[in-house]
Each structure stands twice: as structure tokens, then as C-alpha cells.
Amino acid sequence: MNINLLPPHLRQEEEKFPWKAALLTFALGWLCAFLLVFGWGQVRFLEQRLELSQPAKEQAQLVLGQLAAAEKRLESVSRAQRSLWAHQRSSEAFGELLSQLRWHVPEDMWFTSLEINETGRFLLTGRVFSLAGLSRFLMELRQLPQLQEPVLQSTTRKDAYYEFQIEAKAELLQAGGE
């Protein structure tokens, strides 16, 4: 043991060991090491999860692509269905017009062609033995609600019959319920 007998203002005290600073440095070192190891573990864990999620991501992108293609097909099918329904209504109305027309055809008349286009232009070509029958038929056509403004376009005399052509505006879509 050392005893210092010098007066206090001349005493040179031995330096004490800085226990507080050393303990604080030691604790900070352990804390840094723990955080470094823990952070590295977290990074590895997240990298593994990311690696495991890559196939799921690719599968999700594939499913999204299939979904987009399916939506396009659905839209295409919906358009086709709407078009089919419109044609079906038009066909039903056309069938109704033909069923009404058959009751008005005279016995000495027959049709050679019947055309109708998208705009509703109705063109009827046929043959008849007498002009009186054609005149009665034209008057009865004017009574049909699906035909508007039926007009005799032409008549031509052939051997024992007349060829005729009648044009009208057909309202088939409105008659079909659209």
C-alpha cells in the first residue's frame, strides 16, 4: 500500500481506472454485436421469404394474364351474345312477317326471291298470272304493320305471267322487341 505524504496541492494522485467508461464501452460493444447479428438474421430471413415468394409472384402474374385473357374472351362472348339476341329478335320478327304474308298471297302468285338487308330494305320478287291479283296483294301489304310504304318497282310481261318487284321498308327490329 502506498501512502502519499505530500501536501494536498502537490500530491499527484494515481489515476483511477475508468470503470464507468469501460463498462459503458463494453455494454455498447455487446449491444452493437447483438444488433449486428440480429440485423443480419433479419436480412437472411427476409431474403429467404423473398426467394420463396418468387414462384408465387410468377404464378400470380400468370393468373393475372389468364384473367385478362378471360375478361377479353368474356367481352367477346358478350358481344356475340348481344348480336345473336338481336339477330334472333330480327329473325322472330321476320318469321312473323312471313307468317302474316302467307295468308295474303293469291293463288296465282309465287315468289322467286325475298331479300332484306340490315337497313330494313325489303325487296320481293315474284310472278303472277293476273295484274288484279298483284294489285290486291299490294293493297294487303300496305295493311301489314311491319312493312312501310310498299311500292311496286317494276312489272314485266313474260309469256303467260307477269314478273314483278316490290320494295318496302321493313320494321323488323322494332317488331322484335328492341
Foldseek 3Di string as FASTA:
>chain_A
DDDDPDPPVPDDDDDDDPPVVVVVVVVVVVVVVVCVVVVVVVVVVVVVVVVVCVVVVVVVVVVVVVVVVVVVVVVVVVVVVVVVLLVVLLVVLVVVVVVVLVVLQDPQKDWDDWDADPQQKTKTKIKGQDVVRVVSSQVVVCVDPQWHDKDWPDWDDDDRIIITMIITGGNRSVVSPD
